[in-house]
Each structure stands twice: as structure tokens, then as C-alpha cells.
Amino acid sequence: MASQLFTMTVQLFFIFTPFFVLSMFLTMTSELDAKEKRTLVYKMILSIEIICLILIFGGSYIFALFSITVDAFKVGAGAILFLSAVDLVKGHEAQSKTIDGNTDISVVPLSIPVTVGPGTIGMLMVLGADFHELSDYLVGVGALTISVLLLGVILLLSPWFHRVLKEKGISVLSRLTGLILSALSAQMVFAGARGLLA
């Protein structure tokens, strides 16, 4: 169970595209002071956790409602995740203006769609559909919580990352994240296609 927890935590962590989220966070909070940034991170962690839990536990019901098979969704979600990965590798980051300090951006756009984008939504729904026993859900929720907390730590350390890595370093890490995501997306598409053809 420990190895499964570790593997799923790593997968979820990279699916959140942490360094892309970091670069967006730095861009969109450049006029906020340290206390405001910390408050924003805490709100983000809470909202991301709640959104992802809804997707994990409600994914199977959504599949049943629209008569979608898990394998078909794996192919579709994998394709979307791959497009996100290509954008990261190419360095196509969304252009965002600095947000006024009086505007709460913790849920929209920082949680959705910056952190929990289409690829992440698809992956979480697929994960939830593959859970059948209580131990599966415990591992999934544990991995999700750990990965969200790790993302929160990175965001809390954003001033340090900005000083050490600069814009170029964060861009390189974002591209590496894209490469890892492309491999995960290919694995999802292959698994879905194999299930459909079986």
C-alpha cells in the first residue's frame, strides 16, 4: 500500500503541473504582500482539495449519467492531458495581468482552471472510477491530500523559488513537467484504447 500511495502521490503532484502553477501564481500575485499571499495559498489548498474529492467520488456517477465507459474517457482525458503537456513543453503560458489585491482569485482562476484543468479533471475522474474497495479510496484520498499539501508548500516558498530560479529556471521546470505529463497522457490513451479494443 505504501508503494501505491507513493506512486499515486507522484502522479497527482505532476498532474497539477506545479511549476506552471508556481509561475502563474507569481505573475498574478506580484502586487500582494507576504501575508496576503499566504492567505491566498491556504484558500487555494482548501478549494483544490474539495474540488478534487468531488471529482474522485463523483466521477463514476457522471460516467453512468452520460453512459460513458471508463476506457473511452481515458482516451479523451489522455488526449486533453497531452495537449496541456505540449503547451507546457512549448512554453505557451496563459497571459495574465496582475490581479488587484481586493479580488479573491484563490478559486477562479488559480484553483480552476490553472491548477485543476481539463487534464487534471479527466485523470481524477478516471482514478475515482478505478477505485472499488475502501483501501483504494483511502490510498487515493491520502495521495491527493499529500500532493495538494506539497503544492501548497511550493506556493508558500514562491518568493524563495523566484529568487533562486528566476523566470528562466521556472520556465525550464515547467517544460520538464510537460514532458512527464506527456508520458502519463500516453499511458492513459494506451490503456483506454487497449480496453476498448479488448
C-alpha atoms as a PDB file:
ATOM      1  CA  MET A   1       0.000   0.000   0.000  1.00  0.00           C
ATOM      2  CA  ALA A   2       2.912   2.339   0.763  1.00  0.00           C
ATOM      3  CA  SER A   3       4.367   1.956  -2.733  1.00  0.00           C
ATOM      4  CA  GLN A   4       0.921   2.527  -4.275  1.00  0.00           C
ATOM      5  CA  LEU A   5       0.499   5.655  -2.154  1.00  0.00           C
ATOM      6  CA  PHE A   6       3.907   6.964  -3.224  1.00  0.00           C
ATOM      7  CA  THR A   7       3.311   6.258  -6.923  1.00  0.00           C
ATOM      8  CA  MET A   8      -0.127   7.881  -6.930  1.00  0.00           C
ATOM      9  CA  THR A   9       1.164  10.905  -4.982  1.00  0.00           C
ATOM     10  CA  VAL A  10       3.912  11.496  -7.550  1.00  0.00           C
ATOM     11  CA  GLN A  11       1.456  11.144 -10.435  1.00  0.00           C
ATOM     12  CA  LEU A  12      -1.059  13.549  -8.924  1.00  0.00           C
ATOM     13  CA  PHE A  13       1.653  16.030  -7.996  1.00  0.00           C
ATOM     14  CA  PHE A  14       2.886  16.291 -11.580  1.00  0.00           C
ATOM     15  CA  ILE A  15      -0.642  16.303 -12.994  1.00  0.00           C
ATOM     16  CA  PHE A  16      -1.161  19.526 -11.017  1.00  0.00           C
ATOM     17  CA  THR A  17       1.720  20.974 -13.140  1.00  0.00           C
ATOM     18  CA  PRO A  18       3.275  22.545 -10.017  1.00  0.00           C
ATOM     19  CA  PHE A  19       5.874  24.726 -11.700  1.00  0.00           C
ATOM     20  CA  PHE A  20       3.372  26.099 -14.193  1.00  0.00           C
ATOM     21  CA  VAL A  21       1.071  26.874 -11.249  1.00  0.00           C
ATOM     22  CA  LEU A  22       4.040  28.490  -9.471  1.00  0.00           C
ATOM     23  CA  SER A  23       4.820  30.731 -12.430  1.00  0.00           C
ATOM     24  CA  MET A  24       1.156  31.734 -12.759  1.00  0.00           C
ATOM     25  CA  PHE A  25       0.922  32.357  -9.017  1.00  0.00           C
ATOM     26  CA  LEU A  26       3.977  34.627  -9.100  1.00  0.00           C
ATOM     27  CA  THR A  27       2.570  36.531 -12.072  1.00  0.00           C
ATOM     28  CA  MET A  28      -0.906  37.009 -10.650  1.00  0.00           C
ATOM     29  CA  THR A  29       0.138  37.951  -7.101  1.00  0.00           C
ATOM     30  CA  SER A  30       3.040  40.284  -7.824  1.00  0.00           C
ATOM     31  CA  GLU A  31       1.321  43.214  -6.083  1.00  0.00           C
ATOM     32  CA  LEU A  32       0.267  41.295  -2.951  1.00  0.00           C
ATOM     33  CA  ASP A  33       2.279  41.353   0.275  1.00  0.00           C
ATOM     34  CA  ALA A  34       3.559  38.211   2.037  1.00  0.00           C
ATOM     35  CA  LYS A  35       0.546  37.872   4.361  1.00  0.00           C
ATOM     36  CA  GLU A  36      -1.954  38.174   1.502  1.00  0.00           C
ATOM     37  CA  LYS A  37      -0.048  35.556  -0.497  1.00  0.00           C
ATOM     38  CA  ARG A  38      -0.102  33.120   2.438  1.00  0.00           C
ATOM     39  CA  THR A  39      -3.848  33.588   2.896  1.00  0.00           C
ATOM     40  CA  LEU A  40      -4.360  33.025  -0.820  1.00  0.00           C
ATOM     41  CA  VAL A  41      -2.340  29.792  -0.717  1.00  0.00           C
ATOM     42  CA  TYR A  42      -4.391  28.442   2.217  1.00  0.00           C
ATOM     43  CA  LYS A  43      -7.623  29.160   0.343  1.00  0.00           C
ATOM     44  CA  MET A  44      -6.208  27.506  -2.782  1.00  0.00           C
ATOM     45  CA  ILE A  45      -5.219  24.343  -0.898  1.00  0.00           C
ATOM     46  CA  LEU A  46      -8.687  24.013   0.612  1.00  0.00           C
ATOM     47  CA  SER A  47     -10.559  24.676  -2.634  1.00  0.00           C
ATOM     48  CA  ILE A  48      -8.328  22.346  -4.700  1.00  0.00           C
ATOM     49  CA  GLU A  49      -8.774  19.530  -2.172  1.00  0.00           C
ATOM     50  CA  ILE A  50     -12.569  19.898  -2.150  1.00  0.00           C
ATOM     51  CA  ILE A  51     -12.824  20.117  -5.955  1.00  0.00           C
ATOM     52  CA  CYS A  52     -10.632  17.044  -6.441  1.00  0.00           C
ATOM     53  CA  LEU A  53     -12.519  14.986  -3.841  1.00  0.00           C
ATOM     54  CA  ILE A  54     -15.789  15.768  -5.624  1.00  0.00           C
ATOM     55  CA  LEU A  55     -14.252  14.611  -8.910  1.00  0.00           C
ATOM     56  CA  ILE A  56     -12.853  11.400  -7.407  1.00  0.00           C
ATOM     57  CA  PHE A  57     -16.044  10.385  -5.598  1.00  0.00           C
ATOM     58  CA  GLY A  58     -18.497  11.711  -8.186  1.00  0.00           C
ATOM     59  CA  GLY A  59     -16.734  10.577 -11.361  1.00  0.00           C
ATOM     60  CA  SER A  60     -18.463   7.186 -11.587  1.00  0.00           C
ATOM     61  CA  TYR A  61     -21.890   8.807 -11.282  1.00  0.00           C
ATOM     62  CA  ILE A  62     -21.046  11.207 -14.098  1.00  0.00           C
ATOM     63  CA  PHE A  63     -19.954   8.262 -16.265  1.00  0.00           C
ATOM     64  CA  ALA A  64     -23.241   6.466 -15.532  1.00  0.00           C
ATOM     65  CA  LEU A  65     -25.317   9.584 -16.197  1.00  0.00           C
ATOM     66  CA  PHE A  66     -23.861  10.095 -19.677  1.00  0.00           C
ATOM     67  CA  SER A  67     -23.314   6.376 -20.445  1.00  0.00           C
ATOM     68  CA  ILE A  68     -19.571   6.902 -20.890  1.00  0.00           C
ATOM     69  CA  THR A  69     -17.202   3.978 -20.420  1.00  0.00           C
ATOM     70  CA  VAL A  70     -14.067   4.444 -18.342  1.00  0.00           C
ATOM     71  CA  ASP A  71     -11.883   3.322 -21.261  1.00  0.00           C
ATOM     72  CA  ALA A  72     -13.395   5.900 -23.619  1.00  0.00           C
ATOM     73  CA  PHE A  73     -12.883   8.609 -21.026  1.00  0.00           C
ATOM     74  CA  LYS A  74      -9.270   7.513 -20.547  1.00  0.00           C
ATOM     75  CA  VAL A  75      -8.613   8.092 -24.240  1.00  0.00           C
ATOM     76  CA  GLY A  76     -10.312  11.509 -24.206  1.00  0.00           C
ATOM     77  CA  ALA A  77      -8.739  12.652 -20.933  1.00  0.00           C
ATOM     78  CA  GLY A  78      -5.332  11.401 -22.059  1.00  0.00           C
ATOM     79  CA  ALA A  79      -5.606  13.395 -25.274  1.00  0.00           C
ATOM     80  CA  ILE A  80      -6.504  16.579 -23.368  1.00  0.00           C
ATOM     81  CA  LEU A  81      -3.696  15.975 -20.894  1.00  0.00           C
ATOM     82  CA  PHE A  82      -1.307  15.557 -23.813  1.00  0.00           C
ATOM     83  CA  LEU A  83      -2.355  18.915 -25.275  1.00  0.00           C
ATOM     84  CA  SER A  84      -1.686  20.522 -21.894  1.00  0.00           C
ATOM     85  CA  ALA A  85       1.708  18.832 -21.826  1.00  0.00           C
ATOM     86  CA  VAL A  86       2.559  20.131 -25.310  1.00  0.00           C
ATOM     87  CA  ASP A  87       1.679  23.688 -24.231  1.00  0.00           C
ATOM     88  CA  LEU A  88       3.969  23.360 -21.217  1.00  0.00           C
ATOM     89  CA  VAL A  89       6.845  21.977 -23.287  1.00  0.00           C
ATOM     90  CA  LYS A  90       6.450  24.759 -25.840  1.00  0.00           C
ATOM     91  CA  GLY A  91       6.290  27.339 -23.068  1.00  0.00           C
ATOM     92  CA  HIS A  92       2.826  28.608 -24.009  1.00  0.00           C
ATOM     93  CA  GLU A  93       1.726  30.002 -20.684  1.00  0.00           C
ATOM     94  CA  ALA A  94      -1.507  31.884 -20.324  1.00  0.00           C
ATOM     95  CA  GLN A  95      -1.070  35.619 -20.314  1.00  0.00           C
ATOM     96  CA  SER A  96      -2.368  37.018 -17.052  1.00  0.00           C
ATOM     97  CA  LYS A  97      -2.495  40.509 -15.718  1.00  0.00           C
ATOM     98  CA  THR A  98      -1.741  41.272 -12.107  1.00  0.00           C
ATOM     99  CA  ILE A  99      -4.872  40.980 -10.016  1.00  0.00           C
ATOM    100  CA  ASP A 100      -5.996  43.696  -7.651  1.00  0.00           C
ATOM    101  CA  GLY A 101      -5.390  42.840  -4.010  1.00  0.00           C
ATOM    102  CA  ASN A 102      -9.091  43.175  -3.218  1.00  0.00           C
ATOM    103  CA  THR A 103     -10.043  40.430  -5.681  1.00  0.00           C
ATOM    104  CA  ASP A 104     -10.178  36.832  -4.424  1.00  0.00           C
ATOM    105  CA  ILE A 105      -8.550  34.702  -7.101  1.00  0.00           C
ATOM    106  CA  SER A 106      -7.990  31.607  -4.938  1.00  0.00           C
ATOM    107  CA  VAL A 107     -10.781  29.570  -6.583  1.00  0.00           C
ATOM    108  CA  VAL A 108     -11.024  31.162 -10.033  1.00  0.00           C
ATOM    109  CA  PRO A 109      -8.673  31.263 -11.834  1.00  0.00           C
ATOM    110  CA  LEU A 110      -5.874  29.838  -9.607  1.00  0.00           C
ATOM    111  CA  SER A 111      -7.675  26.659  -8.495  1.00  0.00           C
ATOM    112  CA  ILE A 112      -9.753  26.287 -11.673  1.00  0.00           C
ATOM    113  CA  PRO A 113      -8.535  26.206 -14.398  1.00  0.00           C
ATOM    114  CA  VAL A 114      -4.850  26.964 -13.625  1.00  0.00           C
ATOM    115  CA  THR A 115      -4.330  24.071 -11.175  1.00  0.00           C
ATOM    116  CA  VAL A 116      -7.303  21.805 -11.849  1.00  0.00           C
ATOM    117  CA  GLY A 117      -7.505  21.999 -15.624  1.00  0.00           C
ATOM    118  CA  PRO A 118      -9.183  19.646 -18.111  1.00  0.00           C
ATOM    119  CA  GLY A 119      -6.360  17.110 -17.971  1.00  0.00           C
ATOM    120  CA  THR A 120      -6.401  17.011 -14.175  1.00  0.00           C
ATOM    121  CA  ILE A 121     -10.192  16.691 -14.095  1.00  0.00           C
ATOM    122  CA  GLY A 122     -10.045  13.778 -16.525  1.00  0.00           C
ATOM    123  CA  MET A 123      -7.301  11.990 -14.604  1.00  0.00           C
ATOM    124  CA  LEU A 124      -9.122  12.349 -11.267  1.00  0.00           C
ATOM    125  CA  MET A 125     -12.369  11.022 -12.712  1.00  0.00           C
ATOM    126  CA  VAL A 126     -10.542   8.051 -14.207  1.00  0.00           C
ATOM    127  CA  LEU A 127      -8.808   7.371 -10.887  1.00  0.00           C
ATOM    128  CA  GLY A 128     -12.085   7.527  -8.999  1.00  0.00           C
ATOM    129  CA  ALA A 129     -13.760   5.153 -11.455  1.00  0.00           C
ATOM    130  CA  ASP A 130     -10.982   2.598 -10.876  1.00  0.00           C
ATOM    131  CA  PHE A 131     -11.495   2.602  -7.096  1.00  0.00           C
ATOM    132  CA  HIS A 132     -13.641  -0.281  -5.865  1.00  0.00           C
ATOM    133  CA  GLU A 133     -12.581  -1.044  -2.298  1.00  0.00           C
ATOM    134  CA  LEU A 134     -12.206   1.094   0.816  1.00  0.00           C
ATOM    135  CA  SER A 135      -8.414   0.699   0.684  1.00  0.00           C
ATOM    136  CA  ASP A 136      -8.404   2.148  -2.845  1.00  0.00           C
ATOM    137  CA  TYR A 137     -10.253   5.248  -1.687  1.00  0.00           C
ATOM    138  CA  LEU A 138      -8.010   5.630   1.376  1.00  0.00           C
ATOM    139  CA  VAL A 139      -4.877   5.493  -0.786  1.00  0.00           C
ATOM    140  CA  GLY A 140      -6.406   7.857  -3.345  1.00  0.00           C
ATOM    141  CA  VAL A 141      -7.523  10.449  -0.797  1.00  0.00           C
ATOM    142  CA  GLY A 142      -4.178  10.165   1.028  1.00  0.00           C
ATOM    143  CA  ALA A 143      -2.201  10.645  -2.188  1.00  0.00           C
ATOM    144  CA  LEU A 144      -4.400  13.564  -3.196  1.00  0.00           C
ATOM    145  CA  THR A 145      -4.017  15.283   0.166  1.00  0.00           C
ATOM    146  CA  ILE A 146      -0.234  14.844   0.202  1.00  0.00           C
ATOM    147  CA  SER A 147       0.159  16.141  -3.361  1.00  0.00           C
ATOM    148  CA  VAL A 148      -2.057  19.170  -2.633  1.00  0.00           C
ATOM    149  CA  LEU A 149      -0.048  19.932   0.508  1.00  0.00           C
ATOM    150  CA  LEU A 150       3.218  19.637  -1.457  1.00  0.00           C
ATOM    151  CA  LEU A 151       1.833  22.081  -3.998  1.00  0.00           C
ATOM    152  CA  GLY A 152       0.896  24.401  -1.143  1.00  0.00           C
ATOM    153  CA  VAL A 153       4.452  24.236   0.243  1.00  0.00           C
ATOM    154  CA  ILE A 154       5.857  25.186  -3.173  1.00  0.00           C
ATOM    155  CA  LEU A 155       3.496  28.154  -3.375  1.00  0.00           C
ATOM    156  CA  LEU A 156       4.343  29.258   0.169  1.00  0.00           C
ATOM    157  CA  LEU A 157       8.005  29.159  -0.846  1.00  0.00           C
ATOM    158  CA  SER A 158       7.290  31.088  -4.063  1.00  0.00           C
ATOM    159  CA  PRO A 159       9.402  34.138  -3.076  1.00  0.00           C
ATOM    160  CA  TRP A 160      12.403  31.852  -2.499  1.00  0.00           C
ATOM    161  CA  PHE A 161      11.824  29.981  -5.787  1.00  0.00           C
ATOM    162  CA  HIS A 162      11.595  33.287  -7.616  1.00  0.00           C
ATOM    163  CA  ARG A 163      14.904  34.497  -6.178  1.00  0.00           C
ATOM    164  CA  VAL A 164      16.776  31.236  -6.828  1.00  0.00           C
ATOM    165  CA  LEU A 165      15.340  30.049 -10.134  1.00  0.00           C
ATOM    166  CA  LYS A 166      14.411  33.355 -11.770  1.00  0.00           C
ATOM    167  CA  GLU A 167      11.917  33.338 -14.639  1.00  0.00           C
ATOM    168  CA  LYS A 168      14.123  31.180 -16.860  1.00  0.00           C
ATOM    169  CA  GLY A 169      14.564  28.436 -14.255  1.00  0.00           C
ATOM    170  CA  ILE A 170      10.847  28.199 -13.579  1.00  0.00           C
ATOM    171  CA  SER A 171      10.220  28.022 -17.321  1.00  0.00           C
ATOM    172  CA  VAL A 172      12.662  25.093 -17.649  1.00  0.00           C
ATOM    173  CA  LEU A 173      10.988  23.215 -14.773  1.00  0.00           C
ATOM    174  CA  SER A 174       7.600  23.861 -16.350  1.00  0.00           C
ATOM    175  CA  ARG A 175       8.830  22.266 -19.593  1.00  0.00           C
ATOM    176  CA  LEU A 176      10.156  19.238 -17.694  1.00  0.00           C
ATOM    177  CA  THR A 177       6.746  18.892 -16.050  1.00  0.00           C
ATOM    178  CA  GLY A 178       5.237  18.912 -19.542  1.00  0.00           C
ATOM    179  CA  LEU A 179       7.471  16.021 -20.608  1.00  0.00           C
ATOM    180  CA  ILE A 180       6.389  13.945 -17.611  1.00  0.00           C
ATOM    181  CA  LEU A 181       2.746  14.774 -18.299  1.00  0.00           C
ATOM    182  CA  SER A 182       3.106  13.695 -21.925  1.00  0.00           C
ATOM    183  CA  ALA A 183       4.280  10.260 -20.771  1.00  0.00           C
ATOM    184  CA  LEU A 184       1.352   9.957 -18.336  1.00  0.00           C
ATOM    185  CA  SER A 185      -1.106  11.003 -21.045  1.00  0.00           C
ATOM    186  CA  ALA A 186       0.305   8.438 -23.496  1.00  0.00           C
ATOM    187  CA  GLN A 187      -0.097   5.761 -20.841  1.00  0.00           C
ATOM    188  CA  MET A 188      -3.732   6.780 -20.285  1.00  0.00           C
ATOM    189  CA  VAL A 189      -4.545   6.734 -24.005  1.00  0.00           C
ATOM    190  CA  PHE A 190      -2.868   3.336 -24.478  1.00  0.00           C
ATOM    191  CA  ALA A 191      -4.700   1.821 -21.502  1.00  0.00           C
ATOM    192  CA  GLY A 192      -8.030   3.200 -22.717  1.00  0.00           C
ATOM    193  CA  ALA A 193      -7.511   2.053 -26.300  1.00  0.00           C
ATOM    194  CA  ARG A 194      -6.494  -1.426 -25.141  1.00  0.00           C
ATOM    195  CA  GLY A 195      -9.673  -1.646 -23.056  1.00  0.00           C
ATOM    196  CA  LEU A 196     -11.870  -0.502 -25.938  1.00  0.00           C
ATOM    197  CA  LEU A 197     -10.298  -2.986 -28.365  1.00  0.00           C
ATOM    198  CA  ALA A 198     -10.326  -5.913 -25.955  1.00  0.00           C
END
